[in-house]
Amino acid sequence: MSRAVLSLGSNLGDRLHHLRCAVAGFGDAVRVVSGVYETPPWGDTDQPAYLNAVLLAEDPDAAPYDWLERARSAERAAGRERDPARRFGPRTLDVDVIAVWGANDEPVLSDSAELTLPHPRAHLRAFVLRPWIDIQPYGRLPGHGWLTDLLTTGPAAEDALDVRPRPDLTLESTA
């Protein structure tokens, strides 16, 4: 069994539609999806606000690079264009593989050029931690600790107040 936590973000075009399509793209593998949050941009601050969410997916046949390919496929479907000059620039859709667990619920560790697991900056990002807590209140980021501790006392605590819930938006519809 392979289980993955993936972070979704969009700040260009129909942001909610992009998130919904990403969730739909993971199909039957999706186990649970967080609420939607609006956040200021991270890194390059001269861009529109993001909508963010996190999903938990399971697939007995998926390897870590399969999750990465599914993430990239969702981005391509949303018309994502990668600009290496603007690493943290605006995007129709960003899907990051945050963490993967394999057999016996062991976290998968990877330090390749294409896929670093767990995600090397997840512990710094309130826009990842807060939605993840929605779906796993007692969750842990491998190598970093409890999500609640990271959000309240870790480096992400400073940005936690900027992660605003959007209860008027849901990812249930995949139109």
Protein backbone atom coordinates (compact mmCIF):
# COMPACT_ATOMS: atom_id res chain seq x y z
CA MET A 1 0.00 0.00 0.00
CA SER A 2 1.22 3.48 -0.84
CA ARG A 3 -0.28 6.55 0.82
CA ALA A 4 0.55 10.15 -0.07
CA VAL A 5 -0.21 13.64 1.18
CA LEU A 6 -0.31 16.18 -1.64
CA SER A 7 -0.61 19.95 -1.41
CA LEU A 8 -2.68 21.84 -3.99
CA GLY A 9 -2.42 25.54 -4.77
CA SER A 10 -3.69 27.91 -7.44
CA ASN A 11 -3.51 31.67 -7.92
CA LEU A 12 -4.24 32.18 -11.61
CA GLY A 13 -7.49 31.85 -13.51
CA ASP A 14 -10.40 30.01 -11.94
CA ARG A 15 -8.50 28.94 -8.84
CA LEU A 16 -11.27 26.80 -7.34
CA HIS A 17 -11.87 25.03 -10.65
CA HIS A 18 -8.17 24.17 -10.90
CA LEU A 19 -8.21 22.67 -7.40
CA ARG A 20 -11.37 20.71 -8.12
CA CYS A 21 -9.92 19.32 -11.34
CA ALA A 22 -6.76 18.28 -9.52
CA VAL A 23 -8.80 16.36 -6.94
CA ALA A 24 -10.80 14.73 -9.74
CA GLY A 25 -7.56 13.82 -11.50
CA PHE A 26 -6.49 11.67 -8.56
CA GLY A 27 -9.77 9.77 -8.94
CA ASP A 28 -10.54 6.81 -6.70
CA ALA A 29 -7.18 7.16 -4.96
CA VAL A 30 -8.47 10.19 -3.01
CA ARG A 31 -9.38 9.28 0.55
CA VAL A 32 -10.02 12.72 2.04
CA VAL A 33 -9.62 16.37 1.06
CA SER A 34 -9.13 19.33 3.37
CA GLY A 35 -11.09 22.54 3.40
CA VAL A 36 -10.04 25.37 1.11
CA TYR A 37 -7.81 28.15 2.44
CA GLU A 38 -6.81 31.49 0.97
CA THR A 39 -3.24 32.54 1.54
CA PRO A 40 -0.88 35.29 0.49
CA PRO A 41 1.81 34.25 -1.99
CA TRP A 42 4.96 32.66 -0.59
CA GLY A 43 8.41 33.47 -1.89
CA ASP A 44 7.58 35.88 -4.73
CA THR A 45 5.03 38.16 -3.04
CA ASP A 46 4.20 40.24 -6.13
CA GLN A 47 1.34 38.01 -7.33
CA PRO A 48 -2.32 37.19 -6.52
CA ALA A 49 -3.44 35.28 -3.42
CA TYR A 50 -3.60 31.50 -3.53
CA LEU A 51 -6.30 29.00 -2.81
CA ASN A 52 -4.76 25.98 -1.07
CA ALA A 53 -5.87 22.53 0.04
CA VAL A 54 -4.34 19.16 0.92
CA LEU A 55 -5.47 15.69 -0.04
CA LEU A 56 -4.66 12.22 1.22
CA ALA A 57 -4.54 9.52 -1.45
CA GLU A 58 -3.95 5.77 -1.39
CA ASP A 59 -3.08 3.34 -4.14
CA PRO A 60 -1.65 -0.13 -3.50
CA ASP A 61 0.28 -0.02 -6.77
CA ALA A 62 1.71 3.53 -6.64
CA ALA A 63 5.39 4.17 -6.09
CA PRO A 64 6.64 7.62 -5.02
CA TYR A 65 7.42 8.66 -8.60
CA ASP A 66 3.88 7.64 -9.61
CA TRP A 67 2.55 10.27 -7.19
CA LEU A 68 4.92 12.81 -8.72
CA GLU A 69 3.75 11.95 -12.23
CA ARG A 70 0.09 12.25 -11.18
CA ALA A 71 0.88 15.65 -9.66
CA ARG A 72 2.57 16.84 -12.84
CA SER A 73 -0.28 15.46 -14.95
CA ALA A 74 -2.78 17.50 -12.94
CA GLU A 75 -0.61 20.60 -13.39
CA ARG A 76 -0.39 20.05 -17.15
CA ALA A 77 -4.16 19.59 -17.36
CA ALA A 78 -4.55 23.00 -15.70
CA GLY A 79 -2.23 24.60 -18.24
CA ARG A 80 0.68 25.02 -15.85
CA GLU A 81 3.74 26.50 -17.46
CA ARG A 82 6.97 26.14 -15.49
CA ASP A 83 9.22 29.19 -15.50
CA PRO A 84 12.58 28.33 -13.92
CA ALA A 85 13.29 32.05 -13.50
CA ARG A 86 10.24 32.38 -11.22
CA ARG A 87 10.49 29.35 -8.96
CA PHE A 88 7.85 30.75 -6.59
CA GLY A 89 5.91 32.61 -9.28
CA PRO A 90 2.19 32.55 -10.04
CA ARG A 91 0.62 29.40 -11.41
CA THR A 92 -2.68 27.94 -12.50
CA LEU A 93 -1.96 24.87 -10.38
CA ASP A 94 0.83 23.64 -8.15
CA VAL A 95 0.67 20.09 -6.80
CA ASP A 96 3.44 19.08 -4.41
CA VAL A 97 4.05 15.59 -3.08
CA ILE A 98 4.54 16.31 0.62
CA ALA A 99 5.02 12.85 2.08
CA VAL A 100 4.63 9.22 1.03
CA TRP A 101 4.28 6.11 3.20
CA GLY A 102 4.88 2.62 1.89
CA ALA A 103 4.56 -0.89 3.29
CA ASN A 104 3.98 -1.13 7.03
CA ASP A 105 3.19 2.60 7.06
CA GLU A 106 6.91 3.45 6.87
CA PRO A 107 7.70 6.93 5.52
CA VAL A 108 9.47 6.95 2.18
CA LEU A 109 12.64 9.02 2.10
CA SER A 110 14.02 10.36 -1.16
CA ASP A 111 16.71 12.90 -1.95
CA SER A 112 16.82 12.85 -5.73
CA ALA A 113 16.92 15.89 -7.99
CA GLU A 114 13.33 15.23 -9.04
CA LEU A 115 11.70 14.14 -5.80
CA THR A 116 12.68 14.96 -2.23
CA LEU A 117 10.60 13.24 0.45
CA PRO A 118 9.37 14.46 2.71
CA HIS A 119 9.01 17.79 0.92
CA PRO A 120 11.98 19.87 2.09
CA ARG A 121 9.97 23.01 2.91
CA ALA A 122 6.65 21.58 4.11
CA HIS A 123 7.54 22.25 7.76
CA LEU A 124 7.94 25.95 6.91
CA ARG A 125 4.61 26.36 5.12
CA ALA A 126 1.51 27.12 7.10
CA PHE A 127 -0.50 26.80 3.86
CA VAL A 128 0.44 23.11 3.81
CA LEU A 129 0.28 22.35 7.54
CA ARG A 130 -3.08 24.00 8.31
CA PRO A 131 -5.11 22.16 5.64
CA TRP A 132 -3.27 18.92 6.45
CA ILE A 133 -4.41 19.21 10.07
CA ASP A 134 -8.00 19.28 8.73
CA ILE A 135 -7.63 15.74 7.44
CA GLN A 136 -5.12 14.34 9.96
CA PRO A 137 -5.37 16.23 13.27
CA TYR A 138 -2.78 13.90 14.80
CA GLY A 139 -0.58 13.78 11.74
CA ARG A 140 3.20 13.90 11.67
CA LEU A 141 5.53 15.17 9.01
CA PRO A 142 8.29 12.54 8.79
CA GLY A 143 11.55 13.89 10.18
CA HIS A 144 9.92 17.03 11.58
CA GLY A 145 7.24 16.04 14.08
CA TRP A 146 3.60 16.71 14.88
CA LEU A 147 1.75 18.98 12.47
CA THR A 148 0.16 20.97 15.30
CA ASP A 149 3.57 21.63 16.89
CA LEU A 150 5.02 22.73 13.56
CA LEU A 151 2.12 25.10 12.96
CA THR A 152 2.00 26.61 16.44
CA THR A 153 5.62 26.70 17.61
CA GLY A 154 7.74 25.96 14.54
CA PRO A 155 8.92 28.26 11.76
CA ALA A 156 5.46 28.18 10.10
CA ALA A 157 3.79 29.70 13.19
CA GLU A 158 4.61 33.22 11.99
CA ASP A 159 2.49 32.71 8.85
CA ALA A 160 -0.33 30.70 10.44
CA LEU A 161 -2.63 33.70 10.88
CA ASP A 162 -2.38 34.44 7.14
CA VAL A 163 -3.98 31.08 6.27
CA ARG A 164 -7.66 32.01 6.09
CA PRO A 165 -10.33 29.29 5.87
CA ARG A 166 -12.81 29.68 3.01
CA PRO A 167 -15.87 27.73 4.21
CA ASP A 168 -17.80 29.18 1.25
CA LEU A 169 -15.62 27.09 -1.09
CA THR A 170 -15.52 23.30 -1.24
CA LEU A 171 -13.75 20.74 -3.35
CA GLU A 172 -16.64 18.27 -3.39
CA SER A 173 -17.69 19.20 -6.91
CA THR A 174 -15.28 18.18 -9.66
CA ALA A 175 -16.99 19.93 -12.56
